[in-house]
Amino acid sequence: MRRALLSVRFELLATFRDRHTLIYTIVVPLFLYPALFFGMVQITQVSEGLEPSDLTIGIAGHGPLAQAMESDSAVRTLRIGRLPDLADSLAVSRAL
């Protein structure tokens, strides 16, 4: 037991002697955590004031998911007859 206590004492003395260890384990968290908390509070307050944006979903094909989306009144759906080649971005934008 005495050897274990001597080992712990030695490690603690070595840790407190090293300036970098003290800075990274004590000083940085003292400033970092309050700054992160304050930043998250600010972001939350800003995001709560935003209006929800309108969303339109293009549906190609039939199935239970397409029917569920069309029956939901909160979602605007746009029925697409045939899905264009996705590599052609102009054709996709024209289809939408």
N, C-alpha and C. Protein backbone atom coordinates (compact mmCIF):
# COMPACT_ATOMS: atom_id res chain seq x y z
N MET A 1 0.82 -1.20 0.00
CA MET A 1 0.00 0.00 0.00
C MET A 1 0.86 1.26 0.00
N ARG A 2 1.97 1.18 0.76
CA ARG A 2 2.87 2.34 0.83
C ARG A 2 3.47 2.64 -0.54
N ARG A 3 3.83 1.60 -1.29
CA ARG A 3 4.41 1.81 -2.63
C ARG A 3 3.39 2.45 -3.57
N ALA A 4 2.13 2.04 -3.45
CA ALA A 4 1.10 2.62 -4.30
C ALA A 4 0.92 4.10 -3.99
N LEU A 5 0.91 4.47 -2.71
CA LEU A 5 0.78 5.88 -2.33
C LEU A 5 1.99 6.69 -2.78
N LEU A 6 3.18 6.11 -2.67
CA LEU A 6 4.38 6.80 -3.15
C LEU A 6 4.31 7.02 -4.66
N SER A 7 3.81 6.00 -5.36
CA SER A 7 3.69 6.13 -6.81
C SER A 7 2.68 7.21 -7.20
N VAL A 8 1.54 7.24 -6.50
CA VAL A 8 0.53 8.27 -6.77
C VAL A 8 1.10 9.65 -6.46
N ARG A 9 1.81 9.78 -5.33
CA ARG A 9 2.40 11.07 -4.96
C ARG A 9 3.40 11.52 -6.01
N PHE A 10 4.26 10.57 -6.45
CA PHE A 10 5.25 10.91 -7.47
C PHE A 10 4.59 11.40 -8.76
N GLU A 11 3.54 10.70 -9.19
CA GLU A 11 2.85 11.08 -10.43
C GLU A 11 2.18 12.45 -10.31
N LEU A 12 1.56 12.70 -9.16
CA LEU A 12 0.91 14.01 -8.96
C LEU A 12 1.93 15.13 -8.94
N LEU A 13 3.06 14.92 -8.28
CA LEU A 13 4.11 15.94 -8.27
C LEU A 13 4.64 16.19 -9.68
N ALA A 14 4.84 15.13 -10.44
CA ALA A 14 5.32 15.28 -11.81
C ALA A 14 4.29 16.01 -12.67
N THR A 15 3.02 15.73 -12.43
CA THR A 15 1.96 16.38 -13.20
C THR A 15 1.90 17.87 -12.90
N PHE A 16 1.95 18.21 -11.62
CA PHE A 16 1.84 19.63 -11.25
C PHE A 16 3.11 20.41 -11.56
N ARG A 17 4.22 19.73 -11.75
CA ARG A 17 5.44 20.40 -12.15
C ARG A 17 5.42 20.78 -13.63
N ASP A 18 4.70 19.99 -14.42
CA ASP A 18 4.65 20.22 -15.87
C ASP A 18 3.62 21.30 -16.18
N ARG A 19 4.07 22.42 -16.74
CA ARG A 19 3.21 23.56 -17.00
C ARG A 19 2.17 23.25 -18.08
N HIS A 20 2.53 22.51 -19.09
CA HIS A 20 1.59 22.19 -20.18
C HIS A 20 0.44 21.32 -19.67
N THR A 21 0.74 20.37 -18.82
CA THR A 21 -0.31 19.52 -18.28
C THR A 21 -1.29 20.33 -17.45
N LEU A 22 -0.80 21.25 -16.66
CA LEU A 22 -1.67 22.11 -15.87
C LEU A 22 -2.57 22.96 -16.76
N ILE A 23 -2.00 23.50 -17.80
CA ILE A 23 -2.78 24.36 -18.69
C ILE A 23 -3.88 23.56 -19.38
N TYR A 24 -3.55 22.40 -19.91
CA TYR A 24 -4.51 21.62 -20.68
C TYR A 24 -5.56 20.92 -19.81
N THR A 25 -5.25 20.63 -18.54
CA THR A 25 -6.22 19.93 -17.71
C THR A 25 -7.03 20.85 -16.82
N ILE A 26 -6.55 22.06 -16.56
CA ILE A 26 -7.27 22.95 -15.65
C ILE A 26 -7.68 24.25 -16.32
N VAL A 27 -6.76 24.96 -16.92
CA VAL A 27 -7.03 26.31 -17.44
C VAL A 27 -7.92 26.26 -18.68
N VAL A 28 -7.59 25.41 -19.63
CA VAL A 28 -8.38 25.36 -20.87
C VAL A 28 -9.83 24.97 -20.60
N PRO A 29 -10.13 23.93 -19.82
CA PRO A 29 -11.54 23.63 -19.55
C PRO A 29 -12.27 24.75 -18.81
N LEU A 30 -11.56 25.49 -17.96
CA LEU A 30 -12.21 26.60 -17.25
C LEU A 30 -12.74 27.66 -18.20
N PHE A 31 -12.06 27.85 -19.32
CA PHE A 31 -12.51 28.85 -20.31
C PHE A 31 -13.33 28.23 -21.43
N LEU A 32 -13.00 26.99 -21.79
CA LEU A 32 -13.64 26.36 -22.94
C LEU A 32 -15.09 25.99 -22.67
N TYR A 33 -15.39 25.36 -21.55
CA TYR A 33 -16.75 24.90 -21.28
C TYR A 33 -17.75 26.04 -21.15
N PRO A 34 -17.45 27.12 -20.43
CA PRO A 34 -18.41 28.23 -20.41
C PRO A 34 -18.60 28.87 -21.78
N ALA A 35 -17.53 28.96 -22.57
CA ALA A 35 -17.66 29.54 -23.91
C ALA A 35 -18.54 28.66 -24.80
N LEU A 36 -18.37 27.35 -24.73
CA LEU A 36 -19.21 26.44 -25.51
C LEU A 36 -20.66 26.51 -25.06
N PHE A 37 -20.88 26.57 -23.75
CA PHE A 37 -22.25 26.66 -23.24
C PHE A 37 -22.90 27.95 -23.70
N PHE A 38 -22.20 29.07 -23.59
CA PHE A 38 -22.74 30.36 -24.02
C PHE A 38 -23.05 30.34 -25.52
N GLY A 39 -22.15 29.75 -26.31
CA GLY A 39 -22.37 29.67 -27.75
C GLY A 39 -23.58 28.83 -28.11
N MET A 40 -23.76 27.71 -27.43
CA MET A 40 -24.92 26.86 -27.70
C MET A 40 -26.23 27.55 -27.31
N VAL A 41 -26.22 28.31 -26.22
CA VAL A 41 -27.41 29.05 -25.82
C VAL A 41 -27.75 30.09 -26.88
N GLN A 42 -26.74 30.79 -27.39
CA GLN A 42 -26.98 31.80 -28.41
C GLN A 42 -27.52 31.18 -29.70
N ILE A 43 -26.96 30.07 -30.11
CA ILE A 43 -27.43 29.40 -31.32
C ILE A 43 -28.86 28.92 -31.16
N THR A 44 -29.20 28.40 -29.98
CA THR A 44 -30.56 27.93 -29.72
C THR A 44 -31.55 29.09 -29.77
N GLN A 45 -31.18 30.23 -29.19
CA GLN A 45 -32.08 31.38 -29.19
C GLN A 45 -32.29 31.91 -30.61
N VAL A 46 -31.25 31.92 -31.40
CA VAL A 46 -31.38 32.40 -32.78
C VAL A 46 -32.23 31.44 -33.60
N SER A 47 -32.01 30.13 -33.44
CA SER A 47 -32.74 29.16 -34.25
C SER A 47 -34.21 29.08 -33.85
N GLU A 48 -34.57 29.41 -32.61
CA GLU A 48 -35.97 29.39 -32.21
C GLU A 48 -36.75 30.50 -32.88
N GLY A 49 -36.09 31.58 -33.25
CA GLY A 49 -36.76 32.71 -33.88
C GLY A 49 -36.97 32.55 -35.37
N LEU A 50 -36.42 31.51 -35.97
CA LEU A 50 -36.55 31.30 -37.41
C LEU A 50 -37.92 30.73 -37.76
N GLU A 51 -38.44 31.15 -38.87
CA GLU A 51 -39.71 30.63 -39.37
C GLU A 51 -39.47 29.31 -40.10
N PRO A 52 -40.36 28.36 -39.98
CA PRO A 52 -40.18 27.11 -40.74
C PRO A 52 -40.30 27.39 -42.24
N SER A 53 -39.48 26.77 -43.02
CA SER A 53 -39.50 26.99 -44.46
C SER A 53 -40.45 26.01 -45.13
N ASP A 54 -40.94 26.42 -46.29
CA ASP A 54 -41.82 25.54 -47.06
C ASP A 54 -40.99 24.46 -47.73
N LEU A 55 -41.57 23.31 -47.85
CA LEU A 55 -40.88 22.17 -48.42
C LEU A 55 -41.78 21.51 -49.45
N THR A 56 -41.24 21.31 -50.63
CA THR A 56 -41.96 20.58 -51.66
C THR A 56 -41.17 19.32 -51.98
N ILE A 57 -41.86 18.20 -51.99
CA ILE A 57 -41.22 16.92 -52.27
C ILE A 57 -41.73 16.39 -53.59
N GLY A 58 -40.79 16.03 -54.47
CA GLY A 58 -41.16 15.42 -55.74
C GLY A 58 -41.30 13.92 -55.58
N ILE A 59 -42.42 13.38 -56.05
CA ILE A 59 -42.68 11.95 -55.90
C ILE A 59 -42.75 11.31 -57.28
N ALA A 60 -41.93 10.29 -57.48
CA ALA A 60 -41.96 9.52 -58.72
C ALA A 60 -42.32 8.09 -58.36
N GLY A 61 -43.37 7.58 -58.93
CA GLY A 61 -43.80 6.22 -58.64
C GLY A 61 -44.94 6.19 -57.65
N HIS A 62 -45.37 4.98 -57.34
CA HIS A 62 -46.48 4.78 -56.42
C HIS A 62 -46.03 3.85 -55.31
N GLY A 63 -46.69 3.92 -54.19
CA GLY A 63 -46.36 3.04 -53.07
C GLY A 63 -46.86 3.64 -51.78
N PRO A 64 -46.66 2.92 -50.68
CA PRO A 64 -47.18 3.41 -49.40
C PRO A 64 -46.53 4.71 -48.94
N LEU A 65 -45.24 4.87 -49.21
CA LEU A 65 -44.58 6.11 -48.82
C LEU A 65 -45.11 7.29 -49.61
N ALA A 66 -45.29 7.12 -50.90
CA ALA A 66 -45.84 8.20 -51.73
C ALA A 66 -47.24 8.56 -51.29
N GLN A 67 -48.06 7.58 -50.98
CA GLN A 67 -49.43 7.86 -50.52
C GLN A 67 -49.42 8.56 -49.17
N ALA A 68 -48.53 8.17 -48.28
CA ALA A 68 -48.45 8.82 -46.97
C ALA A 68 -48.01 10.26 -47.10
N MET A 69 -47.07 10.53 -47.98
CA MET A 69 -46.61 11.91 -48.20
C MET A 69 -47.71 12.77 -48.80
N GLU A 70 -48.45 12.21 -49.75
CA GLU A 70 -49.52 12.98 -50.38
C GLU A 70 -50.67 13.25 -49.40
N SER A 71 -50.90 12.36 -48.46
CA SER A 71 -52.01 12.55 -47.52
C SER A 71 -51.64 13.49 -46.38
N ASP A 72 -50.35 13.77 -46.17
CA ASP A 72 -49.92 14.67 -45.10
C ASP A 72 -50.15 16.11 -45.53
N SER A 73 -50.92 16.87 -44.77
CA SER A 73 -51.25 18.24 -45.15
C SER A 73 -50.09 19.20 -44.92
N ALA A 74 -49.10 18.83 -44.11
CA ALA A 74 -47.98 19.72 -43.83
C ALA A 74 -46.93 19.69 -44.94
N VAL A 75 -47.02 18.73 -45.83
CA VAL A 75 -46.01 18.57 -46.89
C VAL A 75 -46.67 18.80 -48.24
N ARG A 76 -46.06 19.68 -49.03
CA ARG A 76 -46.52 19.86 -50.41
C ARG A 76 -45.82 18.84 -51.29
N THR A 77 -46.59 18.12 -52.07
CA THR A 77 -46.01 17.11 -52.94
C THR A 77 -46.23 17.49 -54.40
N LEU A 78 -45.32 17.06 -55.22
CA LEU A 78 -45.39 17.30 -56.65
C LEU A 78 -45.20 15.96 -57.33
N ARG A 79 -46.20 15.53 -58.08
CA ARG A 79 -46.17 14.23 -58.73
C ARG A 79 -45.33 14.36 -60.01
N ILE A 80 -44.30 13.53 -60.12
CA ILE A 80 -43.44 13.51 -61.30
C ILE A 80 -43.77 12.25 -62.07
N GLY A 81 -44.10 12.41 -63.35
CA GLY A 81 -44.48 11.26 -64.15
C GLY A 81 -43.33 10.30 -64.37
N ARG A 82 -42.24 10.79 -64.91
CA ARG A 82 -41.08 9.95 -65.18
C ARG A 82 -39.85 10.68 -64.66
N LEU A 83 -39.03 9.98 -63.93
CA LEU A 83 -37.83 10.57 -63.37
C LEU A 83 -36.79 10.75 -64.46
N PRO A 84 -36.30 11.97 -64.64
CA PRO A 84 -35.28 12.19 -65.68
C PRO A 84 -33.93 11.62 -65.25
N ASP A 85 -33.00 11.64 -66.20
CA ASP A 85 -31.65 11.18 -65.91
C ASP A 85 -31.04 12.11 -64.86
N LEU A 86 -30.63 11.57 -63.73
CA LEU A 86 -30.13 12.40 -62.64
C LEU A 86 -28.79 13.06 -62.95
N ALA A 87 -28.08 12.59 -63.97
CA ALA A 87 -26.82 13.22 -64.34
C ALA A 87 -27.06 14.55 -65.04
N ASP A 88 -28.25 14.72 -65.63
CA ASP A 88 -28.59 15.95 -66.33
C ASP A 88 -29.34 16.88 -65.36
N SER A 89 -28.61 17.82 -64.75
CA SER A 89 -29.20 18.66 -63.72
C SER A 89 -30.27 19.60 -64.29
N LEU A 90 -30.14 20.00 -65.55
CA LEU A 90 -31.17 20.86 -66.15
C LEU A 90 -32.49 20.11 -66.34
N ALA A 91 -32.38 18.85 -66.72
CA ALA A 91 -33.60 18.05 -66.89
C ALA A 91 -34.28 17.83 -65.54
N VAL A 92 -33.51 17.63 -64.49
CA VAL A 92 -34.09 17.44 -63.17
C VAL A 92 -34.77 18.72 -62.71
N SER A 93 -34.14 19.87 -62.89
CA SER A 93 -34.75 21.14 -62.47
C SER A 93 -36.01 21.44 -63.29
N ARG A 94 -36.01 21.09 -64.57
CA ARG A 94 -37.22 21.30 -65.39
C ARG A 94 -38.35 20.39 -64.93
N ALA A 95 -38.00 19.15 -64.52
CA ALA A 95 -39.03 18.22 -64.07
C ALA A 95 -39.66 18.68 -62.76
N LEU A 96 -38.87 19.32 -61.95
CA LEU A 96 -39.39 19.81 -60.68
C LEU A 96 -40.13 21.12 -60.89
